[in-house]
Protein backbone atom coordinates (compact mmCIF):
# COMPACT_ATOMS: atom_id res chain seq x y z
CA MET A 1 107.29 78.44 110.07
CA ARG A 2 110.26 80.77 110.21
CA ILE A 3 110.66 84.48 109.59
CA ILE A 4 112.85 85.42 106.62
CA LYS A 5 112.58 89.18 107.12
CA GLU A 6 111.03 90.92 110.15
CA GLY A 7 108.12 93.18 109.18
CA THR A 8 106.46 96.07 110.92
CA PRO A 9 102.84 95.76 112.04
CA PRO A 10 100.39 97.98 110.16
CA HIS A 11 99.25 101.22 111.73
CA LYS A 12 96.22 100.70 113.91
CA GLU A 13 94.83 104.13 113.06
CA LYS A 14 93.79 105.25 109.62
CA LYS A 15 93.50 108.85 108.43
CA GLN A 16 90.26 110.01 106.80
CA GLU A 17 88.92 113.26 105.42
CA CYS A 18 85.22 114.06 105.53
CA VAL A 19 83.88 115.00 102.09
CA ASN A 20 81.04 116.92 103.76
CA CYS A 21 82.89 119.34 106.08
CA GLY A 22 86.60 118.79 105.32
CA CYS A 23 87.46 117.53 108.83
CA VAL A 24 90.57 115.31 108.89
CA PHE A 25 90.49 112.67 111.61
CA MET A 26 92.01 109.34 112.65
CA TYR A 27 89.93 106.21 113.22
CA GLU A 28 90.58 102.70 114.46
CA ARG A 29 88.90 99.41 113.58
CA SER A 30 86.65 99.79 116.63
CA ASP A 31 85.23 103.02 115.12
CA ILE A 32 84.01 101.22 111.98
CA HIS A 33 80.28 100.52 111.77
CA THR A 34 78.87 97.78 109.55
CA ASP A 35 75.50 97.70 107.83
CA LYS A 36 74.28 94.93 105.49
CA ARG A 37 72.94 97.40 102.97
CA ASP A 38 75.52 100.21 103.18
CA GLY A 39 78.67 98.23 104.08
CA ASP A 40 81.42 99.59 106.35
CA PHE A 41 81.48 103.25 107.35
CA VAL A 42 82.74 105.68 109.99
CA ILE A 43 80.96 108.73 111.34
CA CYS A 44 82.65 112.12 111.04
CA PRO A 45 83.33 113.42 114.57
CA SER A 46 82.73 117.01 113.42
CA CYS A 47 79.51 116.97 111.38
CA GLY A 48 78.20 113.43 111.88
CA ALA A 49 78.26 112.48 108.19
CA TYR A 50 78.51 108.78 107.29
CA ILE A 51 81.71 108.07 105.32
CA ASN A 52 81.74 104.86 103.32
CA LEU A 53 84.94 102.80 103.61
CA ILE A 54 84.58 100.32 100.73
CA ASN A 55 87.64 101.63 98.88
CA HIS A 56 89.77 102.00 102.01
CA LEU A 57 89.16 98.50 103.32
CA SER A 58 89.73 96.84 99.95
CA MET A 59 93.06 98.70 99.63
CA GLU A 60 93.98 97.54 103.15
CA LYS A 61 93.29 93.92 102.18
CA LYS A 62 95.36 94.23 98.98
CA GLU A 63 98.32 95.61 100.94
CA ALA A 64 98.13 92.67 103.37
CA ILE A 65 98.45 90.10 100.55
């Protein structure tokens, strides 16, 4: 395999806003929790609310394709 055009690696941190308290924070893949019933989520560092990441992870996969 050879590289035609050098790319830049994706950002390791993602930005998220809590719909409960309005806190804006950054999270990494290691901050993501997984549950069989609820799927992938992060916990707001300010209020502790669970924030579902279904839309964010599917967009990330589409961008990678």
